[in-house]
Amino acid sequence: MNKCKEAERLLFKYNTLLLSLPKRSMPRRTEDNQLKLTKRIAESTMYTEIRQITDAINKLNGDQREVLLAKYVSQKKRTNIEVYMSIGWSESHYYRLKKAALEGFLTAYYAEQTQAKPVMTH
């Protein structure tokens, strides 16, 4: 599976996981468009994947985060055209940024997974 498709699959899964949470437990967007998890979610081992994906999204720059949140983390499924028109970017700029955001997200996600696994020593 190519990197962008794998990243999209993870983001769609993330959106599904978020929609299964009670509304008051949903992550909040900060002023700089980062996602802030509620204390209940951040501290629960049940929500490890939500936390890892959230942390990976937050490692991206502001424009990359904006693209991923607008396209993949919303209650309404949005087309690419709707996203880049609402943000006010050109089509070519949007697609370049989206590709970089998906690749950067996947790299950050794998880094989060590596950090989360305990190291076994003999």
C-alpha atoms as a PDB file:
ATOM      1  CA  MET A   1       0.000   0.000   0.000  1.00  0.00           C
ATOM      2  CA  ASN A   2       1.423   3.419  -0.844  1.00  0.00           C
ATOM      3  CA  LYS A   3       2.121   5.916   1.933  1.00  0.00           C
ATOM      4  CA  CYS A   4      -0.711   8.308   1.121  1.00  0.00           C
ATOM      5  CA  LYS A   5      -3.332   5.535   0.958  1.00  0.00           C
ATOM      6  CA  GLU A   6      -2.091   4.066   4.233  1.00  0.00           C
ATOM      7  CA  ALA A   7      -2.207   7.493   5.893  1.00  0.00           C
ATOM      8  CA  GLU A   8      -5.747   8.074   4.576  1.00  0.00           C
ATOM      9  CA  ARG A   9      -6.830   4.690   5.921  1.00  0.00           C
ATOM     10  CA  LEU A  10      -5.493   5.612   9.380  1.00  0.00           C
ATOM     11  CA  LEU A  11      -7.181   9.022   9.295  1.00  0.00           C
ATOM     12  CA  PHE A  12     -10.541   7.523   8.302  1.00  0.00           C
ATOM     13  CA  LYS A  13     -10.161   5.011  11.145  1.00  0.00           C
ATOM     14  CA  TYR A  14      -9.296   7.884  13.508  1.00  0.00           C
ATOM     15  CA  ASN A  15     -12.393   9.808  12.459  1.00  0.00           C
ATOM     16  CA  THR A  16     -14.529   6.700  13.077  1.00  0.00           C
ATOM     17  CA  LEU A  17     -12.947   6.220  16.520  1.00  0.00           C
ATOM     18  CA  LEU A  18     -13.595   9.863  17.404  1.00  0.00           C
ATOM     19  CA  LEU A  19     -17.215   9.699  16.299  1.00  0.00           C
ATOM     20  CA  SER A  20     -17.740   6.757  18.668  1.00  0.00           C
ATOM     21  CA  LEU A  21     -16.708   8.928  21.650  1.00  0.00           C
ATOM     22  CA  PRO A  22     -19.233  10.906  23.669  1.00  0.00           C
ATOM     23  CA  LYS A  23     -19.398  14.478  22.367  1.00  0.00           C
ATOM     24  CA  ARG A  24     -17.856  15.922  25.527  1.00  0.00           C
ATOM     25  CA  SER A  25     -14.820  13.627  25.094  1.00  0.00           C
ATOM     26  CA  MET A  26     -14.011  14.778  21.555  1.00  0.00           C
ATOM     27  CA  PRO A  27     -10.625  16.493  21.057  1.00  0.00           C
ATOM     28  CA  ARG A  28     -10.765  20.277  20.958  1.00  0.00           C
ATOM     29  CA  ARG A  29      -8.942  22.470  18.464  1.00  0.00           C
ATOM     30  CA  THR A  30      -6.611  25.053  19.964  1.00  0.00           C
ATOM     31  CA  GLU A  31      -5.981  28.503  18.492  1.00  0.00           C
ATOM     32  CA  ASP A  32      -3.045  27.183  16.457  1.00  0.00           C
ATOM     33  CA  ASN A  33      -5.217  24.313  15.123  1.00  0.00           C
ATOM     34  CA  GLN A  34      -3.660  21.620  17.292  1.00  0.00           C
ATOM     35  CA  LEU A  35      -5.836  18.912  18.755  1.00  0.00           C
ATOM     36  CA  LYS A  36      -6.103  18.761  22.540  1.00  0.00           C
ATOM     37  CA  LEU A  37      -7.398  15.542  24.047  1.00  0.00           C
ATOM     38  CA  THR A  38      -9.599  15.508  27.106  1.00  0.00           C
ATOM     39  CA  LYS A  39      -7.912  14.232  30.250  1.00  0.00           C
ATOM     40  CA  ARG A  40     -10.075  11.100  30.215  1.00  0.00           C
ATOM     41  CA  ILE A  41      -8.928  10.151  26.717  1.00  0.00           C
ATOM     42  CA  ALA A  42      -5.307  11.218  27.186  1.00  0.00           C
ATOM     43  CA  GLU A  43      -4.843   9.039  30.273  1.00  0.00           C
ATOM     44  CA  SER A  44      -6.821   5.955  29.261  1.00  0.00           C
ATOM     45  CA  THR A  45      -4.987   2.928  27.844  1.00  0.00           C
ATOM     46  CA  MET A  46      -8.151   2.105  25.878  1.00  0.00           C
ATOM     47  CA  TYR A  47      -7.516   5.120  23.681  1.00  0.00           C
ATOM     48  CA  THR A  48      -3.845   4.560  22.825  1.00  0.00           C
ATOM     49  CA  GLU A  49      -4.450   4.677  19.072  1.00  0.00           C
ATOM     50  CA  ILE A  50      -6.468   7.896  19.306  1.00  0.00           C
ATOM     51  CA  ARG A  51      -3.646   9.437  21.333  1.00  0.00           C
ATOM     52  CA  GLN A  52      -0.945   8.257  18.878  1.00  0.00           C
ATOM     53  CA  ILE A  53      -2.804   9.568  15.836  1.00  0.00           C
ATOM     54  CA  THR A  54      -3.597  12.869  17.580  1.00  0.00           C
ATOM     55  CA  ASP A  55       0.063  13.319  18.532  1.00  0.00           C
ATOM     56  CA  ALA A  56       1.152  12.548  14.958  1.00  0.00           C
ATOM     57  CA  ILE A  57      -1.273  15.142  13.553  1.00  0.00           C
ATOM     58  CA  ASN A  58      -0.043  17.716  16.071  1.00  0.00           C
ATOM     59  CA  LYS A  59       3.562  17.233  14.906  1.00  0.00           C
ATOM     60  CA  LEU A  60       2.697  18.629  11.452  1.00  0.00           C
ATOM     61  CA  ASN A  61       2.958  22.306  10.586  1.00  0.00           C
ATOM     62  CA  GLY A  62      -0.188  24.443  10.738  1.00  0.00           C
ATOM     63  CA  ASP A  63      -1.084  24.259   7.034  1.00  0.00           C
ATOM     64  CA  GLN A  64      -0.606  20.492   6.919  1.00  0.00           C
ATOM     65  CA  ARG A  65      -2.750  20.055  10.030  1.00  0.00           C
ATOM     66  CA  GLU A  66      -5.438  22.268   8.521  1.00  0.00           C
ATOM     67  CA  VAL A  67      -5.595  20.123   5.377  1.00  0.00           C
ATOM     68  CA  LEU A  68      -5.848  16.836   7.270  1.00  0.00           C
ATOM     69  CA  LEU A  69      -8.389  18.099   9.780  1.00  0.00           C
ATOM     70  CA  ALA A  70     -10.580  19.681   7.093  1.00  0.00           C
ATOM     71  CA  LYS A  71     -10.456  16.662   4.795  1.00  0.00           C
ATOM     72  CA  TYR A  72     -10.382  13.658   7.132  1.00  0.00           C
ATOM     73  CA  VAL A  73     -11.378  14.650  10.665  1.00  0.00           C
ATOM     74  CA  SER A  74     -14.887  16.004  10.380  1.00  0.00           C
ATOM     75  CA  GLN A  75     -18.433  14.800  10.805  1.00  0.00           C
ATOM     76  CA  LYS A  76     -19.265  15.551   7.172  1.00  0.00           C
ATOM     77  CA  LYS A  77     -17.282  13.890   4.402  1.00  0.00           C
ATOM     78  CA  ARG A  78     -15.830  16.695   2.270  1.00  0.00           C
ATOM     79  CA  THR A  79     -14.481  16.572  -1.273  1.00  0.00           C
ATOM     80  CA  ASN A  80     -11.036  17.903  -2.114  1.00  0.00           C
ATOM     81  CA  ILE A  81     -12.636  20.793  -4.014  1.00  0.00           C
ATOM     82  CA  GLU A  82     -14.737  21.776  -0.985  1.00  0.00           C
ATOM     83  CA  VAL A  83     -11.652  21.713   1.221  1.00  0.00           C
ATOM     84  CA  TYR A  84      -9.327  23.821  -0.942  1.00  0.00           C
ATOM     85  CA  MET A  85     -12.082  26.274  -1.842  1.00  0.00           C
ATOM     86  CA  SER A  86     -13.004  26.766   1.838  1.00  0.00           C
ATOM     87  CA  ILE A  87      -9.362  27.310   2.776  1.00  0.00           C
ATOM     88  CA  GLY A  88      -8.788  29.592  -0.202  1.00  0.00           C
ATOM     89  CA  TRP A  89      -5.836  27.782  -1.762  1.00  0.00           C
ATOM     90  CA  SER A  90      -5.214  26.923  -5.389  1.00  0.00           C
ATOM     91  CA  GLU A  91      -5.851  23.344  -6.458  1.00  0.00           C
ATOM     92  CA  SER A  92      -2.164  22.632  -7.158  1.00  0.00           C
ATOM     93  CA  HIS A  93      -1.032  24.114  -3.822  1.00  0.00           C
ATOM     94  CA  TYR A  94      -3.648  22.061  -1.978  1.00  0.00           C
ATOM     95  CA  TYR A  95      -2.658  18.756  -3.580  1.00  0.00           C
ATOM     96  CA  ARG A  96       1.066  19.343  -2.959  1.00  0.00           C
ATOM     97  CA  LEU A  97       0.356  20.219   0.659  1.00  0.00           C
ATOM     98  CA  LYS A  98      -2.038  17.307   1.113  1.00  0.00           C
ATOM     99  CA  LYS A  99       0.557  14.819  -0.163  1.00  0.00           C
ATOM    100  CA  ALA A 100       3.261  16.256   2.107  1.00  0.00           C
ATOM    101  CA  ALA A 101       0.827  16.247   5.046  1.00  0.00           C
ATOM    102  CA  LEU A 102      -0.147  12.605   4.519  1.00  0.00           C
ATOM    103  CA  GLU A 103       3.484  11.497   4.219  1.00  0.00           C
ATOM    104  CA  GLY A 104       4.547  13.575   7.232  1.00  0.00           C
ATOM    105  CA  PHE A 105       1.625  12.253   9.262  1.00  0.00           C
ATOM    106  CA  LEU A 106       2.506   8.637   8.493  1.00  0.00           C
ATOM    107  CA  THR A 107       6.141   9.185   9.473  1.00  0.00           C
ATOM    108  CA  ALA A 108       5.093  10.862  12.730  1.00  0.00           C
ATOM    109  CA  TYR A 109       2.570   8.079  13.433  1.00  0.00           C
ATOM    110  CA  TYR A 110       5.202   5.368  13.055  1.00  0.00           C
ATOM    111  CA  ALA A 111       7.504   7.350  15.354  1.00  0.00           C
ATOM    112  CA  GLU A 112       4.683   7.501  17.950  1.00  0.00           C
ATOM    113  CA  GLN A 113       4.163   3.748  17.701  1.00  0.00           C
ATOM    114  CA  THR A 114       7.880   3.072  18.153  1.00  0.00           C
ATOM    115  CA  GLN A 115       7.981   5.257  21.274  1.00  0.00           C
ATOM    116  CA  ALA A 116       4.899   3.585  22.738  1.00  0.00           C
ATOM    117  CA  LYS A 117       6.254   0.020  22.534  1.00  0.00           C
ATOM    118  CA  PRO A 118       8.205  -1.181  25.559  1.00  0.00           C
ATOM    119  CA  VAL A 119      11.757  -2.228  24.851  1.00  0.00           C
ATOM    120  CA  MET A 120      12.475  -5.811  25.783  1.00  0.00           C
ATOM    121  CA  THR A 121      15.867  -6.550  27.331  1.00  0.00           C
ATOM    122  CA  HIS A 122      17.427  -9.928  27.921  1.00  0.00           C
END
